[in-house]
């Protein structure tokens, strides 16, 4: 990336598949812009039709999700609310990972159902909360991130699925940092943990895909219902240009599954290199590699030192970073191995 004309090796942010410069995607958006695409509404007409621009992103999204249908909406922050709306009224209580994204916590509050939290990524804690709060005949929903954005951790979803099986429960997994990059087909943490049969997995498109907005894969019947009830019913769906970019990105990645393989190899390389110099990094399939080296002031000093040497690092204090924070490194497909070697050399010298 370039800041004030100076090049930097960037380890900050998202956009893991590095699609922003792909000519196919840029061309699709440019064509829509040149054609003067109107600001459309994503509401069913009297005969059930959907604006063609939004219909296209939903067709592409359904394929990417491995589902019959898909609903596209304007903001990833609505993920929790939209996913809760897919659940029928027989679900009685929500159990929420204590470090789940703010949007999931807000959705739990807005659901009207009682909710409790369990310890982060802890199956035993979930077991205890289920025993305490789920009575006979009650059905639970477990809400969690699929990949936690600060640490890259994938929770033990297979363990959760086993626990809720006796209650006929469901998993609601925010796949935002997993969709496109985790799982054999890039469908996310639920696919990676083989629990898609009990999971609802909405995802924003701004993390791996070069796009704005979010999608949720579902049945055609559920999709029709979601479009007519809150939070989507009556709401504006956002910019058609965003939908065009989303459709083009989804199609491009579906046609180029090797992109995930490249990203995974590079993530493994960095993870191994950092471990090799004595840093503690968690084992994860996600393109997020975080570590601590000293306290808050030490990591802030490291961030400044790296910036002076042309490496853009991020000292994160976001959800799950802890009191001191962490150095969070995002891995991008267009990183070179030399980029990683320069980072490791800088850290080794410190």
Protein backbone atom coordinates (compact mmCIF):
# COMPACT_ATOMS: atom_id res chain seq x y z
CA UNK A 1 0.00 0.00 0.00
CA UNK A 2 1.05 3.63 -0.38
CA UNK A 3 0.83 6.32 2.32
CA UNK A 4 1.82 9.86 1.35
CA UNK A 5 3.61 8.42 -1.65
CA UNK A 6 5.68 5.95 0.35
CA UNK A 7 5.22 2.19 -0.20
CA UNK A 8 4.48 -0.05 2.78
CA UNK A 9 4.10 -3.78 3.24
CA UNK A 10 0.60 -3.91 4.65
CA UNK A 11 -0.53 -6.36 7.35
CA UNK A 12 -3.57 -4.32 8.40
CA UNK A 13 -7.27 -4.87 7.67
CA UNK A 14 -9.10 -7.46 5.58
CA UNK A 15 -9.64 -8.14 1.87
CA UNK A 16 -7.85 -11.48 2.27
CA UNK A 17 -8.24 -12.73 -1.30
CA UNK A 18 -6.77 -9.47 -2.69
CA UNK A 19 -9.44 -8.92 -5.33
CA UNK A 20 -9.54 -5.12 -5.48
CA UNK A 21 -7.29 -4.95 -8.55
CA UNK A 22 -8.82 -7.82 -10.51
CA UNK A 23 -9.76 -6.45 -13.96
CA UNK A 24 -12.90 -8.64 -14.24
CA UNK A 25 -14.39 -7.19 -11.07
CA UNK A 26 -13.39 -3.61 -11.82
CA UNK A 27 -14.76 -3.91 -15.34
CA UNK A 28 -18.15 -5.15 -14.10
CA UNK A 29 -18.51 -2.18 -11.77
CA UNK A 30 -17.29 0.27 -14.41
CA UNK A 31 -19.83 -1.05 -16.91
CA UNK A 32 -22.67 -0.69 -14.41
CA UNK A 33 -21.51 2.83 -13.60
CA UNK A 34 -21.29 3.78 -17.28
CA UNK A 35 -24.78 2.41 -17.86
CA UNK A 36 -26.11 4.64 -15.10
CA UNK A 37 -27.55 1.85 -12.96
CA UNK A 38 -30.35 3.33 -10.84
CA UNK A 39 -30.44 3.22 -7.09
CA UNK A 40 -32.67 0.19 -6.77
CA UNK A 41 -34.80 -1.29 -4.04
CA UNK A 42 -34.51 -4.95 -3.26
CA UNK A 43 -38.18 -5.46 -2.50
CA UNK A 44 -40.38 -8.06 -4.19
CA UNK A 45 -42.81 -6.59 -6.71
CA UNK A 46 -46.43 -7.68 -6.73
CA UNK A 47 -45.51 -10.63 -8.97
CA UNK A 48 -42.55 -11.59 -6.77
CA UNK A 49 -39.78 -10.27 -9.01
CA UNK A 50 -36.53 -8.83 -7.65
CA UNK A 51 -34.42 -6.13 -9.26
CA UNK A 52 -32.12 -7.98 -11.72
CA UNK A 53 -28.95 -6.50 -10.23
CA UNK A 54 -29.75 -7.89 -6.80
CA UNK A 55 -31.11 -11.13 -8.22
CA UNK A 56 -27.70 -11.75 -9.81
CA UNK A 57 -25.75 -11.37 -6.58
CA UNK A 58 -28.20 -13.70 -4.86
CA UNK A 59 -27.78 -16.36 -7.55
CA UNK A 60 -24.01 -16.15 -7.17
CA UNK A 61 -24.28 -16.11 -3.38
CA UNK A 62 -26.46 -19.23 -3.30
CA UNK A 63 -23.82 -21.12 -5.29
CA UNK A 64 -21.02 -19.90 -3.02
CA UNK A 65 -23.01 -20.88 0.09
CA UNK A 66 -24.05 -24.26 -1.30
CA UNK A 67 -27.69 -23.38 -0.67
CA UNK A 68 -30.95 -23.31 -2.62
CA UNK A 69 -31.27 -19.53 -2.28
CA UNK A 70 -29.59 -16.48 -0.81
CA UNK A 71 -30.56 -13.04 0.43
CA UNK A 72 -28.29 -10.03 -0.03
CA UNK A 73 -28.47 -7.05 2.32
CA UNK A 74 -26.64 -3.77 2.67
CA UNK A 75 -24.66 -4.09 5.90
CA UNK A 76 -22.79 -6.84 7.68
CA UNK A 77 -23.91 -5.39 11.00
CA UNK A 78 -27.38 -6.78 10.27
CA UNK A 79 -26.03 -10.33 10.15
CA UNK A 80 -27.23 -11.33 13.60
CA UNK A 81 -30.67 -9.78 13.19
CA UNK A 82 -31.19 -11.40 9.79
CA UNK A 83 -30.00 -14.80 11.01
CA UNK A 84 -32.27 -14.68 14.07
CA UNK A 85 -35.16 -13.90 11.73
CA UNK A 86 -34.58 -17.26 9.98
CA UNK A 87 -35.31 -19.14 13.20
CA UNK A 88 -38.82 -20.25 13.99
CA UNK A 89 -40.57 -19.34 17.22
CA UNK A 90 -39.80 -22.71 18.82
CA UNK A 91 -36.31 -21.52 19.79
CA UNK A 92 -36.43 -20.39 23.38
CA UNK A 93 -33.01 -19.25 24.61
CA UNK A 94 -29.77 -17.90 23.11
CA UNK A 95 -26.30 -18.81 24.37
CA UNK A 96 -23.68 -16.33 23.22
CA UNK A 97 -19.89 -16.57 23.23
CA UNK A 98 -18.69 -13.85 25.60
CA UNK A 99 -16.37 -12.44 22.89
CA UNK A 100 -18.87 -12.57 20.05
CA UNK A 101 -19.06 -9.57 17.74
CA UNK A 102 -21.13 -6.58 18.92
CA UNK A 103 -23.67 -7.21 16.17
CA UNK A 104 -24.43 -10.69 17.54
CA UNK A 105 -24.88 -9.35 21.05
CA UNK A 106 -27.21 -6.62 19.74
CA UNK A 107 -29.17 -9.24 17.80
CA UNK A 108 -29.52 -11.41 20.90
CA UNK A 109 -30.89 -8.44 22.83
CA UNK A 110 -33.29 -7.51 20.03
CA UNK A 111 -34.57 -11.07 19.58
CA UNK A 112 -36.88 -10.88 22.59
CA UNK A 113 -35.54 -14.21 23.79
CA UNK A 114 -33.57 -14.63 27.04
CA UNK A 115 -29.83 -14.95 26.46
CA UNK A 116 -26.77 -15.85 28.50
CA UNK A 117 -23.07 -15.91 27.71
CA UNK A 118 -20.55 -18.73 27.99
CA UNK A 119 -16.77 -18.57 28.24
CA UNK A 120 -14.97 -17.84 24.99
CA UNK A 121 -14.56 -20.93 22.85
CA UNK A 122 -15.22 -23.21 25.82
CA UNK A 123 -17.36 -26.29 25.21
CA UNK A 124 -17.45 -27.19 28.89
CA UNK A 125 -18.75 -23.74 29.80
CA UNK A 126 -21.43 -24.10 27.12
CA UNK A 127 -22.38 -27.48 28.57
CA UNK A 128 -22.86 -25.94 32.00
CA UNK A 129 -24.98 -23.06 30.67
CA UNK A 130 -27.15 -25.46 28.67
CA UNK A 131 -27.80 -27.55 31.77
CA UNK A 132 -28.68 -24.48 33.80
CA UNK A 133 -30.81 -22.53 31.32
CA UNK A 134 -32.38 -25.03 28.91
CA UNK A 135 -35.23 -26.92 30.46
CA UNK A 136 -37.32 -29.79 29.18
CA UNK A 137 -38.82 -29.05 25.78
CA UNK A 138 -36.74 -25.89 25.27
CA UNK A 139 -34.60 -25.36 22.15
CA UNK A 140 -31.36 -23.34 22.31
CA UNK A 141 -29.48 -21.26 19.75
CA UNK A 142 -25.72 -20.91 20.14
CA UNK A 143 -24.36 -17.68 18.63
CA UNK A 144 -20.68 -17.25 17.85
CA UNK A 145 -18.20 -15.87 15.34
CA UNK A 146 -16.89 -18.51 12.94
CA UNK A 147 -13.48 -16.84 12.94
CA UNK A 148 -12.83 -14.33 15.69
CA UNK A 149 -11.58 -11.17 13.99
CA UNK A 150 -8.73 -10.27 16.33
CA UNK A 151 -7.16 -13.66 17.00
CA UNK A 152 -8.23 -15.74 14.00
CA UNK A 153 -9.51 -18.44 16.31
CA UNK A 154 -12.10 -20.94 15.05
CA UNK A 155 -14.34 -22.09 17.92
CA UNK A 156 -14.97 -25.83 18.50
CA UNK A 157 -18.21 -25.86 16.53
CA UNK A 158 -18.27 -29.64 16.29
CA UNK A 159 -18.24 -29.80 20.09
CA UNK A 160 -21.03 -27.24 20.27
CA UNK A 161 -23.08 -29.20 17.73
CA UNK A 162 -22.71 -32.35 19.78
CA UNK A 163 -23.88 -30.57 22.93
CA UNK A 164 -26.96 -28.96 21.38
CA UNK A 165 -27.94 -32.11 19.52
CA UNK A 166 -29.82 -33.47 22.53
CA UNK A 167 -31.89 -30.26 22.61
CA UNK A 168 -32.60 -30.05 18.85
CA UNK A 169 -30.70 -26.76 18.94
CA UNK A 170 -29.08 -24.69 16.18
CA UNK A 171 -25.80 -22.86 15.66
CA UNK A 172 -25.85 -19.28 14.43
CA UNK A 173 -22.34 -18.65 13.09
CA UNK A 174 -21.17 -15.24 11.89
CA UNK A 175 -18.95 -16.36 9.00
CA UNK A 176 -17.70 -12.89 8.08
CA UNK A 177 -13.97 -13.56 8.53
CA UNK A 178 -14.31 -17.17 7.35
CA UNK A 179 -16.49 -16.98 4.25
CA UNK A 180 -14.45 -17.37 1.10
CA UNK A 181 -11.28 -18.51 2.86
CA UNK A 182 -12.08 -21.24 5.43
CA UNK A 183 -13.47 -24.68 4.58
CA UNK A 184 -12.78 -26.85 1.55
CA UNK A 185 -15.19 -24.84 -0.59
CA UNK A 186 -14.73 -21.56 1.27
CA UNK A 187 -18.14 -21.72 2.92
CA UNK A 188 -16.72 -20.93 6.34
CA UNK A 189 -16.10 -22.37 9.77
CA UNK A 190 -19.29 -24.45 9.79
CA UNK A 191 -18.05 -26.27 6.69
CA UNK A 192 -14.55 -26.59 8.14
CA UNK A 193 -15.98 -28.15 11.33
CA UNK A 194 -18.54 -30.26 9.40
CA UNK A 195 -21.58 -28.80 11.19
CA UNK A 196 -23.42 -27.13 8.30
CA UNK A 197 -26.43 -29.38 8.95
CA UNK A 198 -27.18 -27.50 12.19
CA UNK A 199 -25.79 -24.06 11.33
CA UNK A 200 -27.08 -20.78 9.97
CA UNK A 201 -24.09 -18.96 8.50
CA UNK A 202 -24.50 -15.36 7.31
CA UNK A 203 -21.40 -13.45 6.19
CA UNK A 204 -20.31 -10.00 5.18
CA UNK A 205 -18.58 -9.72 1.80
CA UNK A 206 -16.03 -7.09 2.81
CA UNK A 207 -13.50 -9.44 4.44
CA UNK A 208 -12.52 -11.94 1.75
CA UNK A 209 -14.49 -10.59 -1.21
CA UNK A 210 -13.98 -7.15 -2.69
CA UNK A 211 -17.52 -6.05 -1.95
CA UNK A 212 -19.89 -4.24 0.37
CA UNK A 213 -22.91 -5.84 1.98
CA UNK A 214 -23.69 -9.30 3.31
CA UNK A 215 -25.46 -12.51 2.36
CA UNK A 216 -27.20 -15.41 4.03
CA UNK A 217 -27.71 -18.74 2.29
CA UNK A 218 -31.05 -20.43 2.98
CA UNK A 219 -34.03 -22.18 1.42
CA UNK A 220 -36.16 -20.38 -1.17
CA UNK A 221 -39.03 -20.33 1.31
CA UNK A 222 -36.89 -18.71 4.00
CA UNK A 223 -35.52 -16.17 1.52
CA UNK A 224 -39.02 -15.09 0.53
CA UNK A 225 -39.97 -14.69 4.19
CA UNK A 226 -36.83 -12.70 5.09
CA UNK A 227 -37.50 -10.12 2.37
CA UNK A 228 -40.91 -9.26 3.82
CA UNK A 229 -40.19 -9.03 7.55
CA UNK A 230 -37.84 -7.00 9.77
CA UNK A 231 -35.05 -6.16 9.58
CA UNK A 232 -35.05 -6.45 5.76
CA UNK A 233 -38.71 -5.93 4.93
CA UNK A 234 -39.19 -2.30 3.95
CA UNK A 235 -35.47 -1.50 4.26
CA UNK A 236 -33.31 -0.14 1.49
CA UNK A 237 -30.81 -2.73 0.29
CA UNK A 238 -27.99 -0.33 -0.56
CA UNK A 239 -26.11 0.59 -3.70
CA UNK A 240 -26.59 -1.44 -6.88
CA UNK A 241 -22.90 -0.84 -7.61
CA UNK A 242 -22.08 -2.69 -4.40
CA UNK A 243 -24.29 -5.55 -5.54
CA UNK A 244 -22.57 -5.63 -8.94
CA UNK A 245 -19.16 -5.80 -7.27
CA UNK A 246 -20.42 -8.53 -4.95
CA UNK A 247 -21.76 -10.66 -7.81
CA UNK A 248 -18.57 -10.23 -9.83
CA UNK A 249 -16.39 -11.14 -6.85
CA UNK A 250 -18.45 -14.20 -5.96
CA UNK A 251 -18.33 -15.43 -9.57
CA UNK A 252 -14.60 -14.78 -9.85
CA UNK A 253 -13.76 -16.74 -6.71
CA UNK A 254 -16.06 -19.61 -7.71
CA UNK A 255 -14.16 -19.80 -11.02
CA UNK A 256 -10.77 -19.61 -9.28
CA UNK A 257 -10.77 -21.91 -6.23
CA UNK A 258 -6.97 -21.94 -6.35
CA UNK A 259 -7.02 -18.48 -4.75
CA UNK A 260 -7.87 -20.07 -1.40
CA UNK A 261 -5.00 -22.51 -1.77
CA UNK A 262 -2.53 -19.71 -2.39
CA UNK A 263 -3.79 -17.82 0.65
CA UNK A 264 -3.64 -20.89 2.89
CA UNK A 265 -0.06 -21.65 1.87
CA UNK A 266 1.02 -18.11 2.65
CA UNK A 267 -0.82 -18.07 5.97
CA UNK A 268 0.88 -21.32 6.98
CA UNK A 269 4.26 -19.89 5.97
CA UNK A 270 3.86 -16.82 8.17
CA UNK A 271 2.46 -18.82 11.08
CA UNK A 272 5.41 -21.23 10.93
CA UNK A 273 7.95 -18.40 10.59
CA UNK A 274 6.61 -16.52 13.61
CA UNK A 275 6.54 -19.69 15.70
CA UNK A 276 10.13 -20.30 14.63
CA UNK A 277 11.31 -17.13 16.34
CA UNK A 278 9.56 -18.02 19.59
CA UNK A 279 6.26 -16.16 19.21
CA UNK A 280 3.10 -17.90 20.38
CA UNK A 281 0.51 -18.06 17.60
CA UNK A 282 -2.64 -20.17 17.59
CA UNK A 283 -3.21 -22.89 15.02
CA UNK A 284 -6.01 -21.76 12.71
CA UNK A 285 -7.01 -22.05 9.05
CA UNK A 286 -7.91 -18.35 8.99
CA UNK A 287 -5.66 -15.69 7.39
CA UNK A 288 -5.28 -13.84 10.70
CA UNK A 289 -2.10 -14.33 12.72
CA UNK A 290 -1.92 -12.54 16.07
CA UNK A 291 0.67 -12.52 18.81
CA UNK A 292 1.84 -10.61 21.86
CA UNK A 293 5.40 -9.44 22.43
CA UNK A 294 5.65 -7.62 25.72
CA UNK A 295 3.00 -5.28 27.05
CA UNK A 296 0.88 -2.56 25.46
CA UNK A 297 3.69 0.02 25.33
CA UNK A 298 6.11 -2.53 23.85
CA UNK A 299 3.70 -3.42 21.06
CA UNK A 300 2.90 0.22 20.35
CA UNK A 301 6.63 0.88 20.10
CA UNK A 302 6.94 -2.08 17.73
CA UNK A 303 4.16 -0.69 15.58
CA UNK A 304 5.97 2.67 15.31
CA UNK A 305 9.32 0.97 14.65
CA UNK A 306 7.83 -1.16 11.89
CA UNK A 307 6.14 1.85 10.31
CA UNK A 308 9.44 3.70 10.16
CA UNK A 309 10.86 0.75 8.22
CA UNK A 310 8.04 0.49 5.73
CA UNK A 311 5.92 -2.20 7.39
CA UNK A 312 2.36 -1.36 8.42
CA UNK A 313 1.48 -3.41 11.53
CA UNK A 314 -1.58 -3.07 13.71
CA UNK A 315 -1.63 -3.08 17.49
CA UNK A 316 -5.23 -4.16 18.01
CA UNK A 317 -7.34 -3.57 21.11
CA UNK A 318 -10.48 -4.91 19.45
CA UNK A 319 -12.76 -7.65 20.80
CA UNK A 320 -10.72 -10.47 22.28
CA UNK A 321 -7.39 -8.67 22.29
CA UNK A 322 -7.22 -8.48 26.09
CA UNK A 323 -6.09 -5.61 28.25
CA UNK A 324 -2.68 -5.26 26.58
CA UNK A 325 -3.82 -5.82 23.02
CA UNK A 326 -2.15 -7.91 20.32
CA UNK A 327 -0.24 -7.43 17.11
CA UNK A 328 -2.72 -8.59 14.47
CA UNK A 329 -1.34 -9.56 11.08
CA UNK A 330 -3.76 -10.04 8.20
CA UNK A 331 -2.46 -12.28 5.43
CA UNK A 332 -3.36 -11.35 1.86
CA UNK A 333 -3.10 -13.50 -1.24
CA UNK A 334 -0.87 -10.96 -2.93
CA UNK A 335 1.70 -10.95 -0.13
CA UNK A 336 5.04 -12.37 -1.22
CA UNK A 337 7.13 -14.70 0.91
CA UNK A 338 9.70 -11.91 0.98
CA UNK A 339 7.11 -9.68 2.67
CA UNK A 340 6.82 -12.23 5.48
CA UNK A 341 10.60 -12.65 5.70
CA UNK A 342 11.03 -8.88 6.12
CA UNK A 343 8.51 -8.87 8.97
CA UNK A 344 10.17 -11.83 10.69
CA UNK A 345 13.62 -10.25 10.30
CA UNK A 346 12.34 -7.04 11.89
CA UNK A 347 10.80 -8.95 14.81
CA UNK A 348 13.91 -11.09 15.30
CA UNK A 349 16.07 -7.97 15.47
CA UNK A 350 13.83 -6.51 18.20
